[in-house]
Amino acid sequence: MSRRRVTLVLPGDLVAEIDGLVRQSGGSRSQVVAEAVAQFIVSRREKRLADLAAGYRDMSDLNLALAEEGMAEGWVFPQEGWPPGTGGDGR
């Protein structure tokens, strides 16, 4: 993996925390910050996926309710030519 230099300006108390982690791990500031950023990215990605999944679950409840409402009213798709512009086979 290629590495690139990045310059950051951070609050002093955060740098002190990073330096404490560097002393504990025996690594470098770069290693500590790179690991923290990688964990942050993974966490954000997992949250975004969880939010999407929750949205799909919420929509599935709505879709089911609408389908049940439509069926209770006796609404059905026509056999021929559905969806519009097709011969009824869905293509």
PDB file of N, CA and C in Angstrom:
ATOM      1  N   MET A   1       0.847  -1.171   0.000  1.00  0.00           N
ATOM      2  CA  MET A   1       0.000   0.000   0.000  1.00  0.00           C
ATOM      3  C   MET A   1       0.893   1.236   0.000  1.00  0.00           C
ATOM      4  N   SER A   2       0.576   2.184  -0.881  1.00  0.00           N
ATOM      5  CA  SER A   2       1.379   3.397  -0.924  1.00  0.00           C
ATOM      6  C   SER A   2       0.998   4.304   0.244  1.00  0.00           C
ATOM      7  N   ARG A   3       1.933   5.118   0.631  1.00  0.00           N
ATOM      8  CA  ARG A   3       1.708   6.035   1.744  1.00  0.00           C
ATOM      9  C   ARG A   3       1.885   7.459   1.235  1.00  0.00           C
ATOM     10  N   ARG A   4       1.083   8.361   1.772  1.00  0.00           N
ATOM     11  CA  ARG A   4       1.172   9.765   1.399  1.00  0.00           C
ATOM     12  C   ARG A   4       1.235  10.614   2.650  1.00  0.00           C
ATOM     13  N   ARG A   5       1.971  11.682   2.572  1.00  0.00           N
ATOM     14  CA  ARG A   5       2.095  12.596   3.706  1.00  0.00           C
ATOM     15  C   ARG A   5       0.883  13.517   3.748  1.00  0.00           C
ATOM     16  N   VAL A   6       0.322  13.661   4.950  1.00  0.00           N
ATOM     17  CA  VAL A   6      -0.813  14.546   5.185  1.00  0.00           C
ATOM     18  C   VAL A   6      -0.484  15.383   6.410  1.00  0.00           C
ATOM     19  N   THR A   7      -0.744  16.669   6.333  1.00  0.00           N
ATOM     20  CA  THR A   7      -0.497  17.547   7.470  1.00  0.00           C
ATOM     21  C   THR A   7      -1.832  17.866   8.129  1.00  0.00           C
ATOM     22  N   LEU A   8      -1.901  17.660   9.436  1.00  0.00           N
ATOM     23  CA  LEU A   8      -3.122  17.912  10.193  1.00  0.00           C
ATOM     24  C   LEU A   8      -2.862  18.965  11.256  1.00  0.00           C
ATOM     25  N   VAL A   9      -3.869  19.760  11.547  1.00  0.00           N
ATOM     26  CA  VAL A   9      -3.823  20.690  12.664  1.00  0.00           C
ATOM     27  C   VAL A   9      -4.895  20.210  13.639  1.00  0.00           C
ATOM     28  N   LEU A  10      -4.454  19.804  14.837  1.00  0.00           N
ATOM     29  CA  LEU A  10      -5.358  19.219  15.829  1.00  0.00           C
ATOM     30  C   LEU A  10      -5.270  19.991  17.135  1.00  0.00           C
ATOM     31  N   PRO A  11      -6.319  19.954  17.940  1.00  0.00           N
ATOM     32  CA  PRO A  11      -6.259  20.571  19.266  1.00  0.00           C
ATOM     33  C   PRO A  11      -5.178  19.894  20.116  1.00  0.00           C
ATOM     34  N   GLY A  12      -4.554  20.684  20.984  1.00  0.00           N
ATOM     35  CA  GLY A  12      -3.464  20.178  21.825  1.00  0.00           C
ATOM     36  C   GLY A  12      -3.842  18.990  22.681  1.00  0.00           C
ATOM     37  N   ASP A  13      -5.056  19.007  23.239  1.00  0.00           N
ATOM     38  CA  ASP A  13      -5.457  17.893  24.099  1.00  0.00           C
ATOM     39  C   ASP A  13      -5.602  16.600  23.296  1.00  0.00           C
ATOM     40  N   LEU A  14      -6.014  16.707  22.038  1.00  0.00           N
ATOM     41  CA  LEU A  14      -6.117  15.525  21.197  1.00  0.00           C
ATOM     42  C   LEU A  14      -4.728  14.983  20.847  1.00  0.00           C
ATOM     43  N   VAL A  15      -3.800  15.879  20.591  1.00  0.00           N
ATOM     44  CA  VAL A  15      -2.417  15.455  20.305  1.00  0.00           C
ATOM     45  C   VAL A  15      -1.829  14.773  21.538  1.00  0.00           C
ATOM     46  N   ALA A  16      -2.136  15.287  22.718  1.00  0.00           N
ATOM     47  CA  ALA A  16      -1.641  14.656  23.958  1.00  0.00           C
ATOM     48  C   ALA A  16      -2.199  13.238  24.088  1.00  0.00           C
ATOM     49  N   GLU A  17      -3.461  13.056  23.755  1.00  0.00           N
ATOM     50  CA  GLU A  17      -4.060  11.711  23.785  1.00  0.00           C
ATOM     51  C   GLU A  17      -3.369  10.793  22.777  1.00  0.00           C
ATOM     52  N   ILE A  18      -3.125  11.311  21.592  1.00  0.00           N
ATOM     53  CA  ILE A  18      -2.432  10.517  20.560  1.00  0.00           C
ATOM     54  C   ILE A  18      -1.045  10.133  21.058  1.00  0.00           C
ATOM     55  N   ASP A  19      -0.336  11.079  21.630  1.00  0.00           N
ATOM     56  CA  ASP A  19       1.013  10.788  22.132  1.00  0.00           C
ATOM     57  C   ASP A  19       0.985   9.737  23.239  1.00  0.00           C
ATOM     58  N   GLY A  20      -0.064   9.754  24.078  1.00  0.00           N
ATOM     59  CA  GLY A  20      -0.205   8.722  25.106  1.00  0.00           C
ATOM     60  C   GLY A  20      -0.390   7.350  24.469  1.00  0.00           C
ATOM     61  N   LEU A  21      -1.186   7.283  23.408  1.00  0.00           N
ATOM     62  CA  LEU A  21      -1.380   6.014  22.704  1.00  0.00           C
ATOM     63  C   LEU A  21      -0.083   5.561  22.032  1.00  0.00           C
ATOM     64  N   VAL A  22       0.692   6.510  21.533  1.00  0.00           N
ATOM     65  CA  VAL A  22       1.980   6.184  20.902  1.00  0.00           C
ATOM     66  C   VAL A  22       2.904   5.555  21.939  1.00  0.00           C
ATOM     67  N   ARG A  23       2.955   6.138  23.139  1.00  0.00           N
ATOM     68  CA  ARG A  23       3.810   5.578  24.199  1.00  0.00           C
ATOM     69  C   ARG A  23       3.351   4.172  24.583  1.00  0.00           C
ATOM     70  N   GLN A  24       2.039   3.962  24.677  1.00  0.00           N
ATOM     71  CA  GLN A  24       1.510   2.650  25.054  1.00  0.00           C
ATOM     72  C   GLN A  24       1.786   1.600  23.987  1.00  0.00           C
ATOM     73  N   SER A  25       1.644   2.002  22.730  1.00  0.00           N
ATOM     74  CA  SER A  25       1.756   1.015  21.649  1.00  0.00           C
ATOM     75  C   SER A  25       3.184   0.836  21.148  1.00  0.00           C
ATOM     76  N   GLY A  26       4.025   1.814  21.419  1.00  0.00           N
ATOM     77  CA  GLY A  26       5.383   1.746  20.898  1.00  0.00           C
ATOM     78  C   GLY A  26       5.452   2.055  19.404  1.00  0.00           C
ATOM     79  N   GLY A  27       4.346   2.563  18.858  1.00  0.00           N
ATOM     80  CA  GLY A  27       4.304   2.888  17.431  1.00  0.00           C
ATOM     81  C   GLY A  27       4.646   4.340  17.188  1.00  0.00           C
ATOM     82  N   SER A  28       3.993   4.896  16.194  1.00  0.00           N
ATOM     83  CA  SER A  28       4.222   6.290  15.837  1.00  0.00           C
ATOM     84  C   SER A  28       2.885   7.021  15.775  1.00  0.00           C
ATOM     85  N   ARG A  29       2.961   8.337  15.742  1.00  0.00           N
ATOM     86  CA  ARG A  29       1.745   9.125  15.568  1.00  0.00           C
ATOM     87  C   ARG A  29       1.032   8.716  14.284  1.00  0.00           C
ATOM     88  N   SER A  30       1.802   8.530  13.233  1.00  0.00           N
ATOM     89  CA  SER A  30       1.202   8.153  11.951  1.00  0.00           C
ATOM     90  C   SER A  30       0.425   6.847  12.062  1.00  0.00           C
ATOM     91  N   GLN A  31       1.011   5.870  12.755  1.00  0.00           N
ATOM     92  CA  GLN A  31       0.327   4.580  12.908  1.00  0.00           C
ATOM     93  C   GLN A  31      -0.961   4.737  13.713  1.00  0.00           C
ATOM     94  N   VAL A  32      -0.888   5.492  14.806  1.00  0.00           N
ATOM     95  CA  VAL A  32      -2.057   5.676  15.668  1.00  0.00           C
ATOM     96  C   VAL A  32      -3.164   6.414  14.911  1.00  0.00           C
ATOM     97  N   VAL A  33      -2.814   7.485  14.221  1.00  0.00           N
ATOM     98  CA  VAL A  33      -3.817   8.258  13.491  1.00  0.00           C
ATOM     99  C   VAL A  33      -4.379   7.438  12.333  1.00  0.00           C
ATOM    100  N   ALA A  34      -3.535   6.708  11.608  1.00  0.00           N
ATOM    101  CA  ALA A  34      -4.004   5.885  10.493  1.00  0.00           C
ATOM    102  C   ALA A  34      -4.988   4.827  10.989  1.00  0.00           C
ATOM    103  N   GLU A  35      -4.687   4.191  12.117  1.00  0.00           N
ATOM    104  CA  GLU A  35      -5.590   3.179  12.669  1.00  0.00           C
ATOM    105  C   GLU A  35      -6.912   3.813  13.097  1.00  0.00           C
ATOM    106  N   ALA A  36      -6.846   4.986  13.723  1.00  0.00           N
ATOM    107  CA  ALA A  36      -8.070   5.666  14.169  1.00  0.00           C
ATOM    108  C   ALA A  36      -8.934   6.067  12.975  1.00  0.00           C
ATOM    109  N   VAL A  37      -8.318   6.586  11.930  1.00  0.00           N
ATOM    110  CA  VAL A  37      -9.069   6.989  10.750  1.00  0.00           C
ATOM    111  C   VAL A  37      -9.694   5.762  10.080  1.00  0.00           C
ATOM    112  N   ALA A  38      -8.943   4.673   9.984  1.00  0.00           N
ATOM    113  CA  ALA A  38      -9.469   3.446   9.384  1.00  0.00           C
ATOM    114  C   ALA A  38     -10.677   2.937  10.174  1.00  0.00           C
ATOM    115  N   GLN A  39     -10.585   2.961  11.498  1.00  0.00           N
ATOM    116  CA  GLN A  39     -11.715   2.521  12.328  1.00  0.00           C
ATOM    117  C   GLN A  39     -12.908   3.449  12.162  1.00  0.00           C
ATOM    118  N   PHE A  40     -12.646   4.740  12.044  1.00  0.00           N
ATOM    119  CA  PHE A  40     -13.717   5.711  11.845  1.00  0.00           C
ATOM    120  C   PHE A  40     -14.443   5.451  10.529  1.00  0.00           C
ATOM    121  N   ILE A  41     -13.677   5.190   9.480  1.00  0.00           N
ATOM    122  CA  ILE A  41     -14.266   4.935   8.161  1.00  0.00           C
ATOM    123  C   ILE A  41     -15.130   3.672   8.195  1.00  0.00           C
ATOM    124  N   VAL A  42     -14.632   2.620   8.804  1.00  0.00           N
ATOM    125  CA  VAL A  42     -15.401   1.376   8.915  1.00  0.00           C
ATOM    126  C   VAL A  42     -16.685   1.622   9.716  1.00  0.00           C
ATOM    127  N   SER A  43     -16.574   2.357  10.808  1.00  0.00           N
ATOM    128  CA  SER A  43     -17.735   2.650  11.641  1.00  0.00           C
ATOM    129  C   SER A  43     -18.784   3.435  10.867  1.00  0.00           C
ATOM    130  N   ARG A  44     -18.367   4.439  10.111  1.00  0.00           N
ATOM    131  CA  ARG A  44     -19.299   5.227   9.306  1.00  0.00           C
ATOM    132  C   ARG A  44     -19.967   4.369   8.244  1.00  0.00           C
ATOM    133  N   ARG A  45     -19.183   3.495   7.603  1.00  0.00           N
ATOM    134  CA  ARG A  45     -19.726   2.612   6.563  1.00  0.00           C
ATOM    135  C   ARG A  45     -20.766   1.672   7.171  1.00  0.00           C
ATOM    136  N   GLU A  46     -20.464   1.100   8.338  1.00  0.00           N
ATOM    137  CA  GLU A  46     -21.407   0.195   8.992  1.00  0.00           C
ATOM    138  C   GLU A  46     -22.686   0.921   9.390  1.00  0.00           C
ATOM    139  N   LYS A  47     -22.556   2.169   9.883  1.00  0.00           N
ATOM    140  CA  LYS A  47     -23.737   2.943  10.255  1.00  0.00           C
ATOM    141  C   LYS A  47     -24.584   3.252   9.028  1.00  0.00           C
ATOM    142  N   ARG A  48     -23.935   3.628   7.928  1.00  0.00           N
ATOM    143  CA  ARG A  48     -24.671   3.935   6.704  1.00  0.00           C
ATOM    144  C   ARG A  48     -25.436   2.705   6.213  1.00  0.00           C
ATOM    145  N   LEU A  49     -24.800   1.539   6.253  1.00  0.00           N
ATOM    146  CA  LEU A  49     -25.467   0.303   5.833  1.00  0.00           C
ATOM    147  C   LEU A  49     -26.616  -0.050   6.767  1.00  0.00           C
ATOM    148  N   ALA A  50     -26.418   0.153   8.067  1.00  0.00           N
ATOM    149  CA  ALA A  50     -27.482  -0.125   9.030  1.00  0.00           C
ATOM    150  C   ALA A  50     -28.662   0.823   8.799  1.00  0.00           C
ATOM    151  N   ASP A  51     -28.377   2.087   8.502  1.00  0.00           N
ATOM    152  CA  ASP A  51     -29.445   3.050   8.217  1.00  0.00           C
ATOM    153  C   ASP A  51     -30.207   2.653   6.952  1.00  0.00           C
ATOM    154  N   LEU A  52     -29.478   2.222   5.921  1.00  0.00           N
ATOM    155  CA  LEU A  52     -30.132   1.773   4.690  1.00  0.00           C
ATOM    156  C   LEU A  52     -31.018   0.565   4.949  1.00  0.00           C
ATOM    157  N   ALA A  53     -30.509  -0.398   5.716  1.00  0.00           N
ATOM    158  CA  ALA A  53     -31.284  -1.598   6.030  1.00  0.00           C
ATOM    159  C   ALA A  53     -32.546  -1.225   6.799  1.00  0.00           C
ATOM    160  N   ALA A  54     -32.430  -0.303   7.751  1.00  0.00           N
ATOM    161  CA  ALA A  54     -33.605   0.129   8.517  1.00  0.00           C
ATOM    162  C   ALA A  54     -34.621   0.795   7.595  1.00  0.00           C
ATOM    163  N   GLY A  55     -34.140   1.589   6.661  1.00  0.00           N
ATOM    164  CA  GLY A  55     -35.029   2.237   5.704  1.00  0.00           C
ATOM    165  C   GLY A  55     -35.768   1.225   4.850  1.00  0.00           C
ATOM    166  N   TYR A  56     -35.046   0.199   4.387  1.00  0.00           N
ATOM    167  CA  TYR A  56     -35.689  -0.845   3.594  1.00  0.00           C
ATOM    168  C   TYR A  56     -36.720  -1.608   4.423  1.00  0.00           C
ATOM    169  N   ARG A  57     -36.403  -1.877   5.703  1.00  0.00           N
ATOM    170  CA  ARG A  57     -37.370  -2.556   6.570  1.00  0.00           C
ATOM    171  C   ARG A  57     -38.625  -1.697   6.751  1.00  0.00           C
ATOM    172  N   ASP A  58     -38.414  -0.391   6.982  1.00  0.00           N
ATOM    173  CA  ASP A  58     -39.557   0.511   7.140  1.00  0.00           C
ATOM    174  C   ASP A  58     -40.408   0.538   5.877  1.00  0.00           C
ATOM    175  N   MET A  59     -39.772   0.594   4.727  1.00  0.00           N
ATOM    176  CA  MET A  59     -40.518   0.616   3.470  1.00  0.00           C
ATOM    177  C   MET A  59     -41.234  -0.702   3.225  1.00  0.00           C
ATOM    178  N   SER A  60     -40.641  -1.806   3.673  1.00  0.00           N
ATOM    179  CA  SER A  60     -41.308  -3.094   3.466  1.00  0.00           C
ATOM    180  C   SER A  60     -42.614  -3.145   4.244  1.00  0.00           C
ATOM    181  N   ASP A  61     -42.640  -2.566   5.438  1.00  0.00           N
ATOM    182  CA  ASP A  61     -43.879  -2.506   6.213  1.00  0.00           C
ATOM    183  C   ASP A  61     -44.939  -1.691   5.471  1.00  0.00           C
ATOM    184  N   LEU A  62     -44.526  -0.544   4.915  1.00  0.00           N
ATOM    185  CA  LEU A  62     -45.450   0.292   4.161  1.00  0.00           C
ATOM    186  C   LEU A  62     -45.936  -0.435   2.913  1.00  0.00           C
ATOM    187  N   ASN A  63     -45.013  -1.076   2.188  1.00  0.00           N
ATOM    188  CA  ASN A  63     -45.397  -1.795   0.977  1.00  0.00           C
ATOM    189  C   ASN A  63     -46.385  -2.918   1.283  1.00  0.00           C
ATOM    190  N   LEU A  64     -46.158  -3.635   2.356  1.00  0.00           N
ATOM    191  CA  LEU A  64     -47.070  -4.707   2.751  1.00  0.00           C
ATOM    192  C   LEU A  64     -48.450  -4.135   3.083  1.00  0.00           C
ATOM    193  N   ALA A  65     -48.472  -3.042   3.822  1.00  0.00           N
ATOM    194  CA  ALA A  65     -49.751  -2.432   4.186  1.00  0.00           C
ATOM    195  C   ALA A  65     -50.507  -1.973   2.936  1.00  0.00           C
ATOM    196  N   LEU A  66     -49.795  -1.365   1.990  1.00  0.00           N
ATOM    197  CA  LEU A  66     -50.445  -0.918   0.756  1.00  0.00           C
ATOM    198  C   LEU A  66     -50.953  -2.099  -0.061  1.00  0.00           C
ATOM    199  N   ALA A  67     -50.171  -3.165  -0.127  1.00  0.00           N
ATOM    200  CA  ALA A  67     -50.600  -4.346  -0.876  1.00  0.00           C
ATOM    201  C   ALA A  67     -51.832  -4.971  -0.238  1.00  0.00           C
ATOM    202  N   GLU A  68     -51.823  -5.073   1.085  1.00  0.00           N
ATOM    203  CA  GLU A  68     -52.985  -5.640   1.774  1.00  0.00           C
ATOM    204  C   GLU A  68     -54.217  -4.771   1.584  1.00  0.00           C
ATOM    205  N   GLU A  69     -54.026  -3.456   1.601  1.00  0.00           N
ATOM    206  CA  GLU A  69     -55.140  -2.534   1.377  1.00  0.00           C
ATOM    207  C   GLU A  69     -55.694  -2.713  -0.033  1.00  0.00           C
ATOM    208  N   GLY A  70     -54.804  -2.811  -1.005  1.00  0.00           N
ATOM    209  CA  GLY A  70     -55.226  -3.003  -2.386  1.00  0.00           C
ATOM    210  C   GLY A  70     -55.963  -4.314  -2.584  1.00  0.00           C
ATOM    211  N   MET A  71     -55.483  -5.365  -1.951  1.00  0.00           N
ATOM    212  CA  MET A  71     -56.139  -6.669  -2.085  1.00  0.00           C
ATOM    213  C   MET A  71     -57.498  -6.665  -1.397  1.00  0.00           C
ATOM    214  N   ALA A  72     -57.611  -5.954  -0.277  1.00  0.00           N
ATOM    215  CA  ALA A  72     -58.890  -5.881   0.431  1.00  0.00           C
ATOM    216  C   ALA A  72     -59.937  -5.160  -0.411  1.00  0.00           C
ATOM    217  N   GLU A  73     -59.463  -4.243  -1.258  1.00  0.00           N
ATOM    218  CA  GLU A  73     -60.384  -3.516  -2.131  1.00  0.00           C
ATOM    219  C   GLU A  73     -60.639  -4.269  -3.428  1.00  0.00           C
ATOM    220  N   GLY A  74     -60.018  -5.436  -3.605  1.00  0.00           N
ATOM    221  CA  GLY A  74     -60.223  -6.245  -4.794  1.00  0.00           C
ATOM    222  C   GLY A  74     -59.429  -5.786  -6.001  1.00  0.00           C
ATOM    223  N   TRP A  75     -58.423  -4.952  -5.798  1.00  0.00           N
ATOM    224  CA  TRP A  75     -57.623  -4.435  -6.903  1.00  0.00           C
ATOM    225  C   TRP A  75     -56.605  -5.483  -7.317  1.00  0.00           C
ATOM    226  N   VAL A  76     -56.548  -5.795  -8.620  1.00  0.00           N
ATOM    227  CA  VAL A  76     -55.588  -6.783  -9.126  1.00  0.00           C
ATOM    228  C   VAL A  76     -54.958  -6.245 -10.399  1.00  0.00           C
ATOM    229  N   PHE A  77     -53.783  -6.767 -10.734  1.00  0.00           N
ATOM    230  CA  PHE A  77     -53.132  -6.411 -11.992  1.00  0.00           C
ATOM    231  C   PHE A  77     -53.847  -7.116 -13.135  1.00  0.00           C
ATOM    232  N   PRO A  78     -53.991  -6.446 -14.265  1.00  0.00           N
ATOM    233  CA  PRO A  78     -54.562  -7.133 -15.425  1.00  0.00           C
ATOM    234  C   PRO A  78     -53.624  -8.240 -15.886  1.00  0.00           C
ATOM    235  N   GLN A  79     -54.178  -9.259 -16.477  1.00  0.00           N
ATOM    236  CA  GLN A  79     -53.366 -10.397 -16.929  1.00  0.00           C
ATOM    237  C   GLN A  79     -52.543 -10.053 -18.158  1.00  0.00           C
ATOM    238  N   GLU A  80     -53.158  -9.391 -19.121  1.00  0.00           N
ATOM    239  CA  GLU A  80     -52.487  -9.078 -20.373  1.00  0.00           C
ATOM    240  C   GLU A  80     -51.897  -7.683 -20.322  1.00  0.00           C
ATOM    241  N   GLY A  81     -50.694  -7.554 -20.878  1.00  0.00           N
ATOM    242  CA  GLY A  81     -50.102  -6.242 -21.054  1.00  0.00           C
ATOM    243  C   GLY A  81     -49.660  -5.549 -19.772  1.00  0.00           C
ATOM    244  N   TRP A  82     -49.336  -6.325 -18.733  1.00  0.00           N
ATOM    245  CA  TRP A  82     -48.825  -5.702 -17.503  1.00  0.00           C
ATOM    246  C   TRP A  82     -47.421  -6.151 -17.254  1.00  0.00           C
ATOM    247  N   PRO A  83     -46.503  -5.312 -16.975  1.00  0.00           N
ATOM    248  CA  PRO A  83     -46.642  -3.867 -16.917  1.00  0.00           C
ATOM    249  C   PRO A  83     -46.874  -3.268 -18.303  1.00  0.00           C
ATOM    250  N   PRO A  84     -47.356  -2.034 -18.343  1.00  0.00           N
ATOM    251  CA  PRO A  84     -47.667  -1.400 -19.630  1.00  0.00           C
ATOM    252  C   PRO A  84     -46.488  -1.479 -20.607  1.00  0.00           C
ATOM    253  N   GLY A  85     -46.812  -1.719 -21.853  1.00  0.00           N
ATOM    254  CA  GLY A  85     -45.771  -1.778 -22.887  1.00  0.00           C
ATOM    255  C   GLY A  85     -45.169  -3.147 -23.045  1.00  0.00           C
ATOM    256  N   THR A  86     -45.708  -4.145 -22.360  1.00  0.00           N
ATOM    257  CA  THR A  86     -45.181  -5.499 -22.463  1.00  0.00           C
ATOM    258  C   THR A  86     -46.287  -6.423 -22.916  1.00  0.00           C
ATOM    259  N   GLY A  87     -45.902  -7.602 -23.230  1.00  0.00           N
ATOM    260  CA  GLY A  87     -46.888  -8.615 -23.607  1.00  0.00           C
ATOM    261  C   GLY A  87     -47.416  -9.375 -22.423  1.00  0.00           C
ATOM    262  N   GLY A  88     -47.197  -8.885 -21.220  1.00  0.00           N
ATOM    263  CA  GLY A  88     -47.703  -9.552 -20.047  1.00  0.00           C
ATOM    264  C   GLY A  88     -46.698 -10.448 -19.375  1.00  0.00           C
ATOM    265  N   ASP A  89     -45.480 -10.554 -19.951  1.00  0.00           N
ATOM    266  CA  ASP A  89     -44.479 -11.447 -19.367  1.00  0.00           C
ATOM    267  C   ASP A  89     -43.457 -10.686 -18.522  1.00  0.00           C
ATOM    268  N   GLY A  90     -43.653  -9.376 -18.353  1.00  0.00           N
ATOM    269  CA  GLY A  90     -42.763  -8.606 -17.495  1.00  0.00           C
ATOM    270  C   GLY A  90     -41.480  -8.153 -18.155  1.00  0.00           C
ATOM    271  N   ARG A  91     -41.316  -8.427 -19.453  1.00  0.00           N
ATOM    272  CA  ARG A  91     -40.085  -7.988 -20.140  1.00  0.00           C
ATOM    273  C   ARG A  91     -40.324  -6.779 -20.982  1.00  0.00           C
TER     274      ARG A  91
END
